[in-house]
Amino acid sequence: MSIILLDIGNVLVTVNFMRFCRAIARDPIAGADEVFLKYCSGEFKDKLETGWIAPLEYLAVIARDPLARAMPLSDIRQHWQDIFELLDGAIEAVTLLRQSYSLWIMSDTDPLHFTFLLNNYPLLRSVDRYYLSFENGKMKTTVDAFTHVLESSGRTADEFLLIDDKAVNCASASQAGIRSIQFQNWQDTLALL
């Protein structure tokens, strides 16, 4: 193994979609849950994260929804992006890992989130390569995402290790022959390497 595929959400940064939901919902309590179900999970969000819906189109749908308070698209965009915090130990872990491995980001994300993360978290600029769902149209819940990495990189599965917080993504990697660690925290993850 010489390459680590790093997830972003809940591995390098925490993700708090409820912050977005409460900020835009007409009813920041009951309405926030409805906004979450409609826009922060499920098929519609997957379309954004696989490049089938343009980011501004996605935000415009939210803006027209009666669940959302009236506000400019720029405000909705800011709230959509303001959901991240650096995860404890991430900087130190990435610094340590870079000494022995090539680090590639592999993330199910959208262009708005990724641009924000890249601009606000220099840690993400210290990696060697990016595999992003909105660019390649493949989510890590499918083995296709991992076979795409293997085919496009010309590397073999035994050269990779995935670090991801979701069991389903780890299972998909395994189906492609890629070993994985389901992330809980950096101390435990580093001990497993």
N, C-alpha and C. Protein backbone atom coordinates (compact mmCIF):
# COMPACT_ATOMS: atom_id res chain seq x y z
N MET A 1 0.85 -1.19 0.00
CA MET A 1 0.00 0.00 0.00
C MET A 1 0.89 1.24 0.00
N SER A 2 0.62 2.11 -0.96
CA SER A 2 1.41 3.34 -1.04
C SER A 2 0.53 4.59 -1.16
N ILE A 3 -0.77 4.38 -1.39
CA ILE A 3 -1.69 5.51 -1.58
C ILE A 3 -2.86 5.39 -0.61
N ILE A 4 -3.14 6.46 0.09
CA ILE A 4 -4.31 6.50 0.97
C ILE A 4 -5.36 7.38 0.32
N LEU A 5 -6.55 6.81 0.16
CA LEU A 5 -7.72 7.55 -0.31
C LEU A 5 -8.42 8.10 0.92
N LEU A 6 -8.44 9.41 1.06
CA LEU A 6 -9.05 10.06 2.23
C LEU A 6 -10.41 10.63 1.87
N ASP A 7 -11.40 10.30 2.66
CA ASP A 7 -12.69 10.98 2.59
C ASP A 7 -12.49 12.36 3.21
N ILE A 8 -13.42 13.27 2.93
CA ILE A 8 -13.35 14.60 3.55
C ILE A 8 -14.28 14.68 4.76
N GLY A 9 -15.58 14.47 4.52
CA GLY A 9 -16.58 14.65 5.56
C GLY A 9 -16.47 13.64 6.68
N ASN A 10 -16.35 14.13 7.89
CA ASN A 10 -16.24 13.35 9.12
C ASN A 10 -14.94 12.54 9.19
N VAL A 11 -13.98 12.90 8.34
CA VAL A 11 -12.62 12.37 8.42
C VAL A 11 -11.64 13.53 8.56
N LEU A 12 -11.79 14.54 7.71
CA LEU A 12 -10.95 15.74 7.80
C LEU A 12 -11.71 16.91 8.42
N VAL A 13 -12.99 17.00 8.12
CA VAL A 13 -13.84 18.06 8.69
C VAL A 13 -15.15 17.45 9.18
N THR A 14 -15.73 18.07 10.20
CA THR A 14 -17.07 17.68 10.61
C THR A 14 -18.06 18.34 9.65
N VAL A 15 -19.22 17.72 9.52
CA VAL A 15 -20.26 18.22 8.62
C VAL A 15 -21.53 18.38 9.44
N ASN A 16 -22.08 19.60 9.45
CA ASN A 16 -23.30 19.87 10.23
C ASN A 16 -24.36 20.48 9.31
N PHE A 17 -25.07 19.61 8.60
CA PHE A 17 -26.11 20.09 7.69
C PHE A 17 -27.25 20.78 8.43
N MET A 18 -27.45 20.46 9.70
CA MET A 18 -28.54 21.10 10.44
C MET A 18 -28.28 22.60 10.61
N ARG A 19 -27.03 23.01 10.61
CA ARG A 19 -26.72 24.44 10.67
C ARG A 19 -27.33 25.14 9.45
N PHE A 20 -27.17 24.55 8.27
CA PHE A 20 -27.78 25.07 7.05
C PHE A 20 -29.30 25.06 7.17
N CYS A 21 -29.85 23.94 7.60
CA CYS A 21 -31.31 23.78 7.66
C CYS A 21 -31.95 24.81 8.58
N ARG A 22 -31.37 25.01 9.75
CA ARG A 22 -31.92 25.99 10.69
C ARG A 22 -31.80 27.42 10.15
N ALA A 23 -30.74 27.68 9.41
CA ALA A 23 -30.51 29.03 8.88
C ALA A 23 -31.49 29.41 7.79
N ILE A 24 -31.95 28.43 7.00
CA ILE A 24 -32.82 28.79 5.88
C ILE A 24 -34.28 28.44 6.08
N ALA A 25 -34.60 27.60 7.05
CA ALA A 25 -35.99 27.15 7.23
C ALA A 25 -36.86 28.26 7.80
N ARG A 26 -38.06 28.38 7.27
CA ARG A 26 -39.04 29.32 7.85
C ARG A 26 -39.28 28.99 9.32
N ASP A 27 -39.43 27.71 9.60
CA ASP A 27 -39.57 27.23 10.97
C ASP A 27 -38.25 26.53 11.32
N PRO A 28 -37.36 27.21 12.06
CA PRO A 28 -36.03 26.65 12.29
C PRO A 28 -36.01 25.40 13.17
N ILE A 29 -37.17 25.02 13.71
CA ILE A 29 -37.20 23.79 14.52
C ILE A 29 -37.79 22.65 13.69
N ALA A 30 -39.11 22.64 13.52
CA ALA A 30 -39.75 21.56 12.75
C ALA A 30 -39.37 21.64 11.28
N GLY A 31 -39.30 22.83 10.75
CA GLY A 31 -38.97 23.00 9.34
C GLY A 31 -37.56 22.57 8.99
N ALA A 32 -36.65 22.69 9.93
CA ALA A 32 -35.26 22.31 9.68
C ALA A 32 -35.15 20.82 9.38
N ASP A 33 -35.92 20.01 10.08
CA ASP A 33 -35.91 18.56 9.82
C ASP A 33 -36.43 18.26 8.41
N GLU A 34 -37.46 18.97 8.00
CA GLU A 34 -38.01 18.78 6.66
C GLU A 34 -37.01 19.20 5.59
N VAL A 35 -36.34 20.32 5.81
CA VAL A 35 -35.32 20.79 4.88
C VAL A 35 -34.19 19.76 4.78
N PHE A 36 -33.80 19.22 5.92
CA PHE A 36 -32.74 18.21 5.92
C PHE A 36 -33.12 17.02 5.05
N LEU A 37 -34.31 16.48 5.27
CA LEU A 37 -34.75 15.31 4.51
C LEU A 37 -34.85 15.59 3.02
N LYS A 38 -35.26 16.79 2.68
CA LYS A 38 -35.49 17.14 1.28
C LYS A 38 -34.21 17.50 0.53
N TYR A 39 -33.27 18.17 1.20
CA TYR A 39 -32.11 18.72 0.49
C TYR A 39 -30.75 18.24 0.97
N CYS A 40 -30.67 17.64 2.13
CA CYS A 40 -29.36 17.27 2.68
C CYS A 40 -29.11 15.77 2.69
N SER A 41 -30.04 15.03 2.14
CA SER A 41 -29.89 13.58 2.01
C SER A 41 -30.78 13.12 0.86
N GLY A 42 -30.53 11.95 0.38
CA GLY A 42 -31.43 11.38 -0.61
C GLY A 42 -31.06 11.64 -2.06
N GLU A 43 -31.98 11.27 -2.93
CA GLU A 43 -31.75 11.25 -4.37
C GLU A 43 -31.47 12.63 -4.97
N PHE A 44 -32.18 13.65 -4.51
CA PHE A 44 -31.98 14.98 -5.08
C PHE A 44 -30.57 15.50 -4.79
N LYS A 45 -30.12 15.30 -3.56
CA LYS A 45 -28.75 15.70 -3.20
C LYS A 45 -27.73 14.87 -3.97
N ASP A 46 -28.01 13.58 -4.14
CA ASP A 46 -27.10 12.73 -4.92
C ASP A 46 -26.93 13.25 -6.34
N LYS A 47 -28.00 13.80 -6.91
CA LYS A 47 -27.90 14.36 -8.26
C LYS A 47 -26.94 15.55 -8.29
N LEU A 48 -26.96 16.36 -7.25
CA LEU A 48 -26.00 17.46 -7.15
C LEU A 48 -24.58 16.92 -7.03
N GLU A 49 -24.42 15.91 -6.20
CA GLU A 49 -23.09 15.36 -5.92
C GLU A 49 -22.54 14.50 -7.06
N THR A 50 -23.37 14.15 -8.02
CA THR A 50 -22.88 13.39 -9.18
C THR A 50 -22.89 14.24 -10.45
N GLY A 51 -23.13 15.53 -10.30
CA GLY A 51 -23.04 16.45 -11.42
C GLY A 51 -24.24 16.50 -12.35
N TRP A 52 -25.36 15.90 -11.94
CA TRP A 52 -26.56 15.90 -12.78
C TRP A 52 -27.39 17.17 -12.62
N ILE A 53 -27.17 17.90 -11.54
CA ILE A 53 -27.85 19.17 -11.31
C ILE A 53 -26.77 20.22 -11.06
N ALA A 54 -26.88 21.35 -11.73
CA ALA A 54 -25.93 22.44 -11.52
C ALA A 54 -26.13 23.06 -10.14
N PRO A 55 -25.07 23.51 -9.50
CA PRO A 55 -25.18 24.07 -8.15
C PRO A 55 -26.19 25.22 -8.03
N LEU A 56 -26.16 26.15 -8.97
CA LEU A 56 -27.10 27.28 -8.86
C LEU A 56 -28.54 26.84 -9.08
N GLU A 57 -28.74 25.84 -9.92
CA GLU A 57 -30.08 25.28 -10.11
C GLU A 57 -30.56 24.64 -8.80
N TYR A 58 -29.68 23.93 -8.13
CA TYR A 58 -30.00 23.30 -6.85
C TYR A 58 -30.42 24.35 -5.82
N LEU A 59 -29.61 25.40 -5.71
CA LEU A 59 -29.93 26.47 -4.77
C LEU A 59 -31.22 27.19 -5.13
N ALA A 60 -31.49 27.34 -6.42
CA ALA A 60 -32.73 28.00 -6.87
C ALA A 60 -33.95 27.18 -6.48
N VAL A 61 -33.85 25.87 -6.55
CA VAL A 61 -34.96 25.00 -6.12
C VAL A 61 -35.22 25.21 -4.63
N ILE A 62 -34.17 25.28 -3.85
CA ILE A 62 -34.31 25.53 -2.41
C ILE A 62 -34.95 26.89 -2.18
N ALA A 63 -34.50 27.89 -2.91
CA ALA A 63 -35.02 29.26 -2.73
C ALA A 63 -36.52 29.34 -3.02
N ARG A 64 -37.00 28.54 -3.96
CA ARG A 64 -38.43 28.56 -4.32
C ARG A 64 -39.29 27.72 -3.38
N ASP A 65 -38.68 26.92 -2.56
CA ASP A 65 -39.43 26.02 -1.69
C ASP A 65 -40.11 26.80 -0.57
N PRO A 66 -41.40 26.55 -0.33
CA PRO A 66 -42.10 27.23 0.77
C PRO A 66 -41.51 26.94 2.15
N LEU A 67 -40.73 25.88 2.27
CA LEU A 67 -40.07 25.59 3.54
C LEU A 67 -38.97 26.60 3.86
N ALA A 68 -38.44 27.26 2.82
CA ALA A 68 -37.30 28.16 3.00
C ALA A 68 -37.76 29.60 3.18
N ARG A 69 -37.03 30.31 4.05
CA ARG A 69 -37.25 31.75 4.19
C ARG A 69 -36.83 32.43 2.90
N ALA A 70 -37.44 33.56 2.60
CA ALA A 70 -37.04 34.33 1.43
C ALA A 70 -35.68 34.96 1.69
N MET A 71 -34.75 34.69 0.80
CA MET A 71 -33.40 35.27 0.90
C MET A 71 -32.71 35.13 -0.45
N PRO A 72 -31.72 35.96 -0.71
CA PRO A 72 -30.99 35.88 -1.97
C PRO A 72 -30.24 34.54 -2.10
N LEU A 73 -30.03 34.12 -3.34
CA LEU A 73 -29.28 32.88 -3.58
C LEU A 73 -27.89 32.94 -2.94
N SER A 74 -27.30 34.12 -2.92
CA SER A 74 -25.96 34.25 -2.33
C SER A 74 -25.98 33.90 -0.84
N ASP A 75 -27.07 34.24 -0.15
CA ASP A 75 -27.19 33.88 1.27
C ASP A 75 -27.41 32.38 1.43
N ILE A 76 -28.24 31.81 0.57
CA ILE A 76 -28.46 30.35 0.63
C ILE A 76 -27.14 29.63 0.39
N ARG A 77 -26.40 30.12 -0.59
CA ARG A 77 -25.09 29.52 -0.89
C ARG A 77 -24.17 29.61 0.33
N GLN A 78 -24.11 30.75 0.95
CA GLN A 78 -23.25 30.92 2.12
C GLN A 78 -23.65 29.95 3.23
N HIS A 79 -24.94 29.82 3.47
CA HIS A 79 -25.41 28.88 4.50
C HIS A 79 -25.09 27.43 4.11
N TRP A 80 -25.23 27.11 2.81
CA TRP A 80 -24.95 25.75 2.32
C TRP A 80 -23.48 25.39 2.57
N GLN A 81 -22.62 26.39 2.43
CA GLN A 81 -21.19 26.14 2.58
C GLN A 81 -20.70 26.23 4.03
N ASP A 82 -21.42 26.90 4.87
CA ASP A 82 -20.98 27.15 6.25
C ASP A 82 -21.42 26.02 7.18
N ILE A 83 -20.99 24.81 6.87
CA ILE A 83 -21.42 23.65 7.66
C ILE A 83 -20.23 22.82 8.16
N PHE A 84 -19.03 23.30 7.94
CA PHE A 84 -17.83 22.51 8.22
C PHE A 84 -17.00 23.08 9.36
N GLU A 85 -16.32 22.20 10.07
CA GLU A 85 -15.31 22.56 11.07
C GLU A 85 -14.19 21.53 10.94
N LEU A 86 -12.96 21.97 11.08
CA LEU A 86 -11.83 21.06 11.01
C LEU A 86 -11.94 20.02 12.12
N LEU A 87 -11.73 18.78 11.78
CA LEU A 87 -11.82 17.69 12.75
C LEU A 87 -10.55 17.64 13.59
N ASP A 88 -10.71 17.42 14.87
CA ASP A 88 -9.55 17.33 15.77
C ASP A 88 -8.56 16.29 15.28
N GLY A 89 -7.32 16.68 15.21
CA GLY A 89 -6.25 15.76 14.84
C GLY A 89 -6.02 15.61 13.35
N ALA A 90 -6.86 16.22 12.52
CA ALA A 90 -6.74 16.03 11.07
C ALA A 90 -5.43 16.58 10.52
N ILE A 91 -5.05 17.77 10.92
CA ILE A 91 -3.82 18.38 10.39
C ILE A 91 -2.61 17.52 10.76
N GLU A 92 -2.53 17.13 12.01
CA GLU A 92 -1.41 16.32 12.47
C GLU A 92 -1.37 14.97 11.76
N ALA A 93 -2.54 14.36 11.59
CA ALA A 93 -2.61 13.05 10.93
C ALA A 93 -2.18 13.14 9.47
N VAL A 94 -2.67 14.14 8.76
CA VAL A 94 -2.29 14.30 7.35
C VAL A 94 -0.80 14.58 7.23
N THR A 95 -0.26 15.39 8.11
CA THR A 95 1.18 15.67 8.11
C THR A 95 1.97 14.39 8.30
N LEU A 96 1.54 13.57 9.24
CA LEU A 96 2.21 12.29 9.51
C LEU A 96 2.07 11.33 8.33
N LEU A 97 0.88 11.20 7.78
CA LEU A 97 0.64 10.29 6.67
C LEU A 97 1.44 10.67 5.43
N ARG A 98 1.59 11.97 5.19
CA ARG A 98 2.33 12.43 3.99
C ARG A 98 3.80 12.00 4.02
N GLN A 99 4.31 11.69 5.19
CA GLN A 99 5.70 11.25 5.30
C GLN A 99 5.91 9.86 4.69
N SER A 100 4.84 9.06 4.64
CA SER A 100 4.98 7.67 4.18
C SER A 100 4.10 7.30 2.99
N TYR A 101 3.08 8.10 2.72
CA TYR A 101 2.10 7.72 1.70
C TYR A 101 1.78 8.90 0.78
N SER A 102 1.33 8.55 -0.41
CA SER A 102 0.71 9.54 -1.29
C SER A 102 -0.74 9.66 -0.84
N LEU A 103 -1.24 10.87 -0.70
CA LEU A 103 -2.61 11.09 -0.23
C LEU A 103 -3.48 11.60 -1.37
N TRP A 104 -4.59 10.90 -1.59
CA TRP A 104 -5.57 11.30 -2.59
C TRP A 104 -6.90 11.51 -1.88
N ILE A 105 -7.59 12.55 -2.24
CA ILE A 105 -8.94 12.78 -1.72
C ILE A 105 -9.92 12.01 -2.59
N MET A 106 -10.82 11.28 -1.96
CA MET A 106 -11.93 10.63 -2.65
C MET A 106 -13.19 10.98 -1.88
N SER A 107 -14.03 11.81 -2.48
CA SER A 107 -15.16 12.35 -1.73
C SER A 107 -16.43 12.43 -2.56
N ASP A 108 -17.54 12.10 -1.91
CA ASP A 108 -18.87 12.37 -2.45
C ASP A 108 -19.19 13.80 -2.02
N THR A 109 -19.11 14.72 -2.96
CA THR A 109 -19.28 16.13 -2.63
C THR A 109 -19.83 16.88 -3.84
N ASP A 110 -20.14 18.13 -3.62
CA ASP A 110 -20.63 18.98 -4.72
C ASP A 110 -19.64 20.12 -4.94
N PRO A 111 -19.75 20.83 -6.07
CA PRO A 111 -18.79 21.89 -6.37
C PRO A 111 -18.79 23.03 -5.36
N LEU A 112 -19.94 23.36 -4.79
CA LEU A 112 -20.01 24.44 -3.81
C LEU A 112 -19.25 24.08 -2.55
N HIS A 113 -19.49 22.88 -2.04
CA HIS A 113 -18.78 22.44 -0.84
C HIS A 113 -17.29 22.30 -1.10
N PHE A 114 -16.93 21.66 -2.22
CA PHE A 114 -15.52 21.42 -2.46
C PHE A 114 -14.74 22.72 -2.64
N THR A 115 -15.28 23.66 -3.38
CA THR A 115 -14.61 24.95 -3.56
C THR A 115 -14.42 25.65 -2.22
N PHE A 116 -15.46 25.65 -1.40
CA PHE A 116 -15.38 26.26 -0.07
C PHE A 116 -14.30 25.58 0.76
N LEU A 117 -14.31 24.26 0.78
CA LEU A 117 -13.33 23.51 1.57
C LEU A 117 -11.90 23.78 1.09
N LEU A 118 -11.71 23.77 -0.20
CA LEU A 118 -10.38 24.02 -0.76
C LEU A 118 -9.88 25.42 -0.42
N ASN A 119 -10.78 26.39 -0.44
CA ASN A 119 -10.40 27.78 -0.15
C ASN A 119 -10.19 28.04 1.34
N ASN A 120 -10.87 27.29 2.20
CA ASN A 120 -10.84 27.58 3.63
C ASN A 120 -10.04 26.61 4.48
N TYR A 121 -9.67 25.48 3.91
CA TYR A 121 -8.91 24.47 4.66
C TYR A 121 -7.68 24.07 3.84
N PRO A 122 -6.55 24.76 4.05
CA PRO A 122 -5.33 24.49 3.28
C PRO A 122 -4.90 23.02 3.30
N LEU A 123 -5.29 22.32 4.34
CA LEU A 123 -5.02 20.89 4.46
C LEU A 123 -5.43 20.14 3.19
N LEU A 124 -6.54 20.55 2.59
CA LEU A 124 -7.04 19.86 1.39
C LEU A 124 -6.20 20.15 0.15
N ARG A 125 -5.40 21.18 0.22
CA ARG A 125 -4.53 21.50 -0.92
C ARG A 125 -3.20 20.75 -0.85
N SER A 126 -2.98 20.01 0.24
CA SER A 126 -1.70 19.32 0.43
C SER A 126 -1.71 17.89 -0.09
N VAL A 127 -2.77 17.49 -0.79
CA VAL A 127 -2.86 16.12 -1.30
C VAL A 127 -2.41 16.07 -2.75
N ASP A 128 -2.23 14.85 -3.25
CA ASP A 128 -1.67 14.66 -4.58
C ASP A 128 -2.70 14.56 -5.70
N ARG A 129 -3.91 14.15 -5.36
CA ARG A 129 -4.92 13.92 -6.40
C ARG A 129 -6.30 13.96 -5.78
N TYR A 130 -7.30 14.23 -6.64
CA TYR A 130 -8.69 14.31 -6.18
C TYR A 130 -9.58 13.42 -7.05
N TYR A 131 -10.42 12.63 -6.41
CA TYR A 131 -11.50 11.90 -7.07
C TYR A 131 -12.79 12.38 -6.42
N LEU A 132 -13.54 13.17 -7.17
CA LEU A 132 -14.72 13.85 -6.64
C LEU A 132 -15.96 13.38 -7.38
N SER A 133 -16.99 13.04 -6.64
CA SER A 133 -18.20 12.48 -7.25
C SER A 133 -18.83 13.42 -8.26
N PHE A 134 -18.80 14.72 -8.01
CA PHE A 134 -19.45 15.64 -8.95
C PHE A 134 -18.69 15.73 -10.27
N GLU A 135 -17.42 15.33 -10.26
CA GLU A 135 -16.64 15.34 -11.50
C GLU A 135 -16.76 14.02 -12.27
N ASN A 136 -16.76 12.91 -11.54
CA ASN A 136 -16.77 11.61 -12.23
C ASN A 136 -18.14 10.93 -12.25
N GLY A 137 -19.13 11.52 -11.57
CA GLY A 137 -20.49 10.99 -11.60
C GLY A 137 -20.69 9.69 -10.85
N LYS A 138 -19.76 9.36 -9.96
CA LYS A 138 -19.84 8.09 -9.24
C LYS A 138 -19.74 8.32 -7.73
N MET A 139 -20.69 7.73 -7.01
CA MET A 139 -20.70 7.82 -5.55
C MET A 139 -19.95 6.62 -4.96
N LYS A 140 -19.33 6.82 -3.81
CA LYS A 140 -18.55 5.75 -3.17
C LYS A 140 -19.41 4.60 -2.66
N THR A 141 -20.71 4.78 -2.66
CA THR A 141 -21.59 3.67 -2.27
C THR A 141 -21.60 2.58 -3.34
N THR A 142 -21.02 2.87 -4.50
CA THR A 142 -20.98 1.89 -5.60
C THR A 142 -19.54 1.46 -5.85
N VAL A 143 -19.37 0.21 -6.22
CA VAL A 143 -18.04 -0.30 -6.56
C VAL A 143 -17.48 0.43 -7.79
N ASP A 144 -18.37 0.95 -8.64
CA ASP A 144 -17.93 1.69 -9.84
C ASP A 144 -17.01 2.85 -9.50
N ALA A 145 -17.24 3.52 -8.39
CA ALA A 145 -16.39 4.65 -8.00
C ALA A 145 -14.95 4.18 -7.79
N PHE A 146 -14.80 3.01 -7.21
CA PHE A 146 -13.47 2.49 -6.92
C PHE A 146 -12.81 1.86 -8.14
N THR A 147 -13.59 1.20 -8.99
CA THR A 147 -13.01 0.68 -10.23
C THR A 147 -12.58 1.84 -11.13
N HIS A 148 -13.29 2.96 -11.06
CA HIS A 148 -12.89 4.16 -11.80
C HIS A 148 -11.51 4.64 -11.33
N VAL A 149 -11.29 4.66 -10.03
CA VAL A 149 -9.98 5.06 -9.50
C VAL A 149 -8.90 4.13 -10.02
N LEU A 150 -9.15 2.83 -9.96
CA LEU A 150 -8.16 1.86 -10.41
C LEU A 150 -7.86 2.01 -11.90
N GLU A 151 -8.92 2.10 -12.70
CA GLU A 151 -8.74 2.18 -14.15
C GLU A 151 -8.09 3.50 -14.58
N SER A 152 -8.53 4.59 -14.00
CA SER A 152 -8.00 5.89 -14.44
C SER A 152 -6.58 6.16 -13.93
N SER A 153 -6.22 5.53 -12.82
CA SER A 153 -4.88 5.74 -12.27
C SER A 153 -3.86 4.73 -12.80
N GLY A 154 -4.36 3.61 -13.33
CA GLY A 154 -3.45 2.56 -13.79
C GLY A 154 -2.77 1.82 -12.65
N ARG A 155 -3.34 1.94 -11.46
CA ARG A 155 -2.77 1.29 -10.27
C ARG A 155 -3.57 0.04 -9.92
N THR A 156 -2.99 -0.79 -9.06
CA THR A 156 -3.67 -2.00 -8.60
C THR A 156 -4.30 -1.75 -7.23
N ALA A 157 -5.30 -2.54 -6.91
CA ALA A 157 -6.06 -2.36 -5.67
C ALA A 157 -5.17 -2.45 -4.43
N ASP A 158 -4.15 -3.31 -4.47
CA ASP A 158 -3.31 -3.47 -3.28
C ASP A 158 -2.42 -2.26 -2.99
N GLU A 159 -2.41 -1.29 -3.90
CA GLU A 159 -1.65 -0.06 -3.66
C GLU A 159 -2.44 0.96 -2.84
N PHE A 160 -3.73 0.69 -2.60
CA PHE A 160 -4.62 1.66 -1.98
C PHE A 160 -5.12 1.22 -0.61
N LEU A 161 -5.43 2.22 0.20
CA LEU A 161 -6.18 2.05 1.44
C LEU A 161 -7.18 3.20 1.50
N LEU A 162 -8.44 2.89 1.74
CA LEU A 162 -9.47 3.92 1.91
C LEU A 162 -9.66 4.19 3.39
N ILE A 163 -9.71 5.47 3.76
CA ILE A 163 -10.12 5.87 5.11
C ILE A 163 -11.40 6.66 4.95
N ASP A 164 -12.50 6.10 5.46
CA ASP A 164 -13.84 6.67 5.25
C ASP A 164 -14.69 6.37 6.47
N ASP A 165 -15.60 7.28 6.79
CA ASP A 165 -16.44 7.09 7.98
C ASP A 165 -17.65 6.20 7.74
N LYS A 166 -17.99 5.90 6.50
CA LYS A 166 -19.21 5.15 6.20
C LYS A 166 -18.91 3.70 5.84
N ALA A 167 -19.59 2.79 6.55
CA ALA A 167 -19.39 1.36 6.32
C ALA A 167 -19.73 0.96 4.89
N VAL A 168 -20.77 1.54 4.32
CA VAL A 168 -21.17 1.19 2.95
C VAL A 168 -20.07 1.54 1.95
N ASN A 169 -19.37 2.65 2.16
CA ASN A 169 -18.28 3.03 1.28
C ASN A 169 -17.10 2.07 1.43
N CYS A 170 -16.83 1.67 2.66
CA CYS A 170 -15.76 0.70 2.90
C CYS A 170 -16.08 -0.64 2.24
N ALA A 171 -17.35 -1.03 2.28
CA ALA A 171 -17.77 -2.28 1.64
C ALA A 171 -17.61 -2.21 0.13
N SER A 172 -17.94 -1.06 -0.46
CA SER A 172 -17.77 -0.89 -1.91
C SER A 172 -16.30 -0.96 -2.30
N ALA A 173 -15.45 -0.34 -1.50
CA ALA A 173 -14.00 -0.41 -1.75
C ALA A 173 -13.53 -1.85 -1.70
N SER A 174 -14.00 -2.59 -0.71
CA SER A 174 -13.63 -3.99 -0.55
C SER A 174 -14.02 -4.82 -1.77
N GLN A 175 -15.19 -4.53 -2.34
CA GLN A 175 -15.64 -5.25 -3.54
C GLN A 175 -14.70 -5.00 -4.71
N ALA A 176 -14.02 -3.86 -4.71
CA ALA A 176 -13.04 -3.55 -5.76
C ALA A 176 -11.64 -4.04 -5.39
N GLY A 177 -11.52 -4.69 -4.23
CA GLY A 177 -10.24 -5.22 -3.78
C GLY A 177 -9.40 -4.24 -2.99
N ILE A 178 -9.98 -3.10 -2.64
CA ILE A 178 -9.26 -2.06 -1.90
C ILE A 178 -9.53 -2.22 -0.40
N ARG A 179 -8.46 -2.31 0.37
CA ARG A 179 -8.59 -2.40 1.83
C ARG A 179 -9.09 -1.06 2.36
N SER A 180 -9.79 -1.10 3.49
CA SER A 180 -10.31 0.15 4.06
C SER A 180 -10.26 0.12 5.57
N ILE A 181 -10.31 1.31 6.13
CA ILE A 181 -10.48 1.50 7.57
C ILE A 181 -11.70 2.39 7.74
N GLN A 182 -12.67 1.91 8.52
CA GLN A 182 -13.82 2.77 8.81
C GLN A 182 -13.40 3.72 9.93
N PHE A 183 -13.40 4.99 9.59
CA PHE A 183 -12.89 6.03 10.48
C PHE A 183 -13.81 6.26 11.67
N GLN A 184 -13.21 6.31 12.86
CA GLN A 184 -13.89 6.72 14.09
C GLN A 184 -13.22 7.98 14.64
N ASN A 185 -11.89 7.91 14.72
CA ASN A 185 -11.08 9.05 15.17
C ASN A 185 -9.66 8.83 14.66
N TRP A 186 -8.85 9.87 14.72
CA TRP A 186 -7.50 9.75 14.14
C TRP A 186 -6.59 8.85 14.96
N GLN A 187 -6.71 8.86 16.26
CA GLN A 187 -5.84 8.03 17.08
C GLN A 187 -6.01 6.56 16.73
N ASP A 188 -7.26 6.09 16.68
CA ASP A 188 -7.52 4.69 16.35
C ASP A 188 -7.13 4.36 14.91
N THR A 189 -7.41 5.28 14.01
CA THR A 189 -7.10 5.04 12.59
C THR A 189 -5.60 4.90 12.38
N LEU A 190 -4.82 5.80 12.95
CA LEU A 190 -3.37 5.73 12.79
C LEU A 190 -2.80 4.46 13.40
N ALA A 191 -3.40 3.99 14.48
CA ALA A 191 -2.94 2.75 15.12
C ALA A 191 -3.16 1.53 14.23
N LEU A 192 -4.13 1.61 13.33
CA LEU A 192 -4.45 0.48 12.45
C LEU A 192 -3.57 0.41 11.20
N LEU A 193 -2.78 1.44 10.96
CA LEU A 193 -1.93 1.44 9.75
C LEU A 193 -0.70 0.58 9.93
